[in-house]
Protein backbone atom coordinates (compact mmCIF):
# COMPACT_ATOMS: atom_id res chain seq x y z
CA MET A 1 3.92 -13.44 9.06
CA SER A 2 3.50 -10.39 6.41
CA ASN A 3 2.71 -6.94 7.03
CA ILE A 4 0.75 -4.14 5.17
CA TYR A 5 3.80 -2.86 3.51
CA ASP A 6 5.27 -5.93 2.46
CA SER A 7 2.03 -6.64 0.97
CA LEU A 8 1.72 -3.85 -0.67
CA THR A 9 4.25 -3.41 -2.32
CA ARG A 10 3.89 -6.69 -3.52
CA ALA A 11 0.46 -5.82 -4.91
CA ILE A 12 1.54 -3.07 -6.90
CA ALA A 13 4.21 -4.65 -8.23
CA ASP A 14 2.53 -7.67 -9.40
CA HIS A 15 -0.24 -4.77 -11.10
CA TRP A 16 3.14 -3.39 -13.04
CA LYS A 17 4.15 -7.33 -14.26
CA ALA A 18 0.68 -8.14 -15.24
CA HIS A 19 -0.29 -4.55 -17.02
CA ASP A 20 2.86 -3.34 -19.12
CA ASN A 21 3.90 -1.18 -16.02
CA LYS A 22 0.83 0.73 -15.55
CA TYR A 23 -0.01 2.34 -12.11
CA PRO A 24 -3.22 1.19 -10.25
CA GLN A 25 -5.42 3.94 -9.98
CA LYS A 26 -5.31 3.99 -5.79
CA VAL A 27 -4.94 1.87 -2.99
CA ILE A 28 -8.10 2.03 -0.51
CA LEU A 29 -6.88 0.77 3.04
CA PRO A 30 -8.86 0.72 6.85
CA PRO A 31 -7.65 2.68 9.32
CA ALA A 32 -5.50 0.45 11.09
CA GLN A 33 -3.49 -0.86 7.91
CA LEU A 34 -3.26 2.79 6.87
CA GLU A 35 -1.85 4.05 10.35
CA ALA A 36 0.56 0.41 10.11
CA LEU A 37 1.79 1.49 6.74
CA ILE A 38 2.79 4.80 7.83
CA ALA A 39 4.40 3.63 10.89
CA LEU A 40 6.46 1.20 9.18
CA ARG A 41 7.56 3.27 6.35
CA ARG A 42 8.65 6.24 9.41
CA THR A 43 10.23 3.47 10.85
CA GLY A 44 12.48 2.43 8.00
CA LEU A 45 12.89 6.12 7.33
CA GLN A 46 14.19 6.62 10.80
CA GLY A 47 16.35 3.75 10.60
CA LEU A 48 18.26 5.43 7.29
CA GLY A 49 18.42 8.61 9.28
CA GLY A 50 15.67 10.81 8.04
CA ASP A 51 12.83 12.27 10.25
CA GLN A 52 9.57 13.11 8.06
CA LEU A 53 7.84 11.15 5.08
CA ALA A 54 7.92 13.20 2.16
CA ASP A 55 4.14 12.10 1.22
CA GLU A 56 1.91 9.83 3.17
CA THR A 57 -0.75 10.27 0.29
CA LYS A 58 0.95 8.22 -1.71
CA PHE A 59 3.02 4.69 -2.01
CA LEU A 60 4.97 3.81 -4.97
CA GLY A 61 3.75 6.69 -6.87
CA VAL A 62 0.01 5.02 -6.23
CA PRO A 63 -2.56 7.32 -4.39
CA LEU A 64 -3.60 6.38 -0.53
CA GLU A 65 -7.17 6.45 0.67
CA GLN A 66 -8.72 5.48 3.73
CA ASP A 67 -12.02 4.02 4.24
CA ALA A 68 -13.28 1.94 7.83
CA THR A 69 -15.58 -0.04 5.46
CA THR A 70 -12.69 -1.88 3.05
CA PRO A 71 -10.85 -5.11 4.14
CA GLY A 72 -8.04 -3.27 1.93
CA VAL A 73 -7.99 -2.99 -2.16
CA LEU A 74 -5.89 -2.10 -4.60
CA ILE A 75 -8.08 -0.06 -7.62
CA ALA A 76 -6.67 -1.52 -10.77
CA HIS A 77 -5.53 0.54 -13.83
CA ASP A 78 -8.76 -0.37 -15.22
CA GLY A 79 -10.85 0.23 -12.40
CA SER A 80 -11.06 -3.09 -10.74
CA GLU A 81 -10.47 -4.37 -7.28
CA VAL A 82 -8.14 -6.67 -6.21
CA ALA A 83 -7.40 -7.75 -2.33
CA ILE A 84 -4.67 -6.87 -0.86
CA ALA A 85 -3.89 -9.55 1.90
CA ALA A 86 -2.34 -7.70 4.57
CA GLN A 87 -2.62 -10.00 7.71
CA ALA A 88 -0.57 -13.18 8.67
CA ASP A 89 0.15 -14.97 5.46
CA ALA A 90 1.33 -18.03 7.35
């Protein structure tokens, strides 16, 4: 089973690999996935002794946006959309 953190990390790394390390334009997530991502990041940070995320608006340097109508997509450097599989990847 995968989570949004792992799925998003994989999607961004795959984009970098496929496009000569170019950054995606942004990631657009539905509210529940964005909240889950922030919660997972906070949990990891607290486990390392931290207390607050420096920036909840970016992930690995890629801007995050929220949209209730999206299933979760990465907007590639060229504007194309790539689905982010954040549900259970059995």
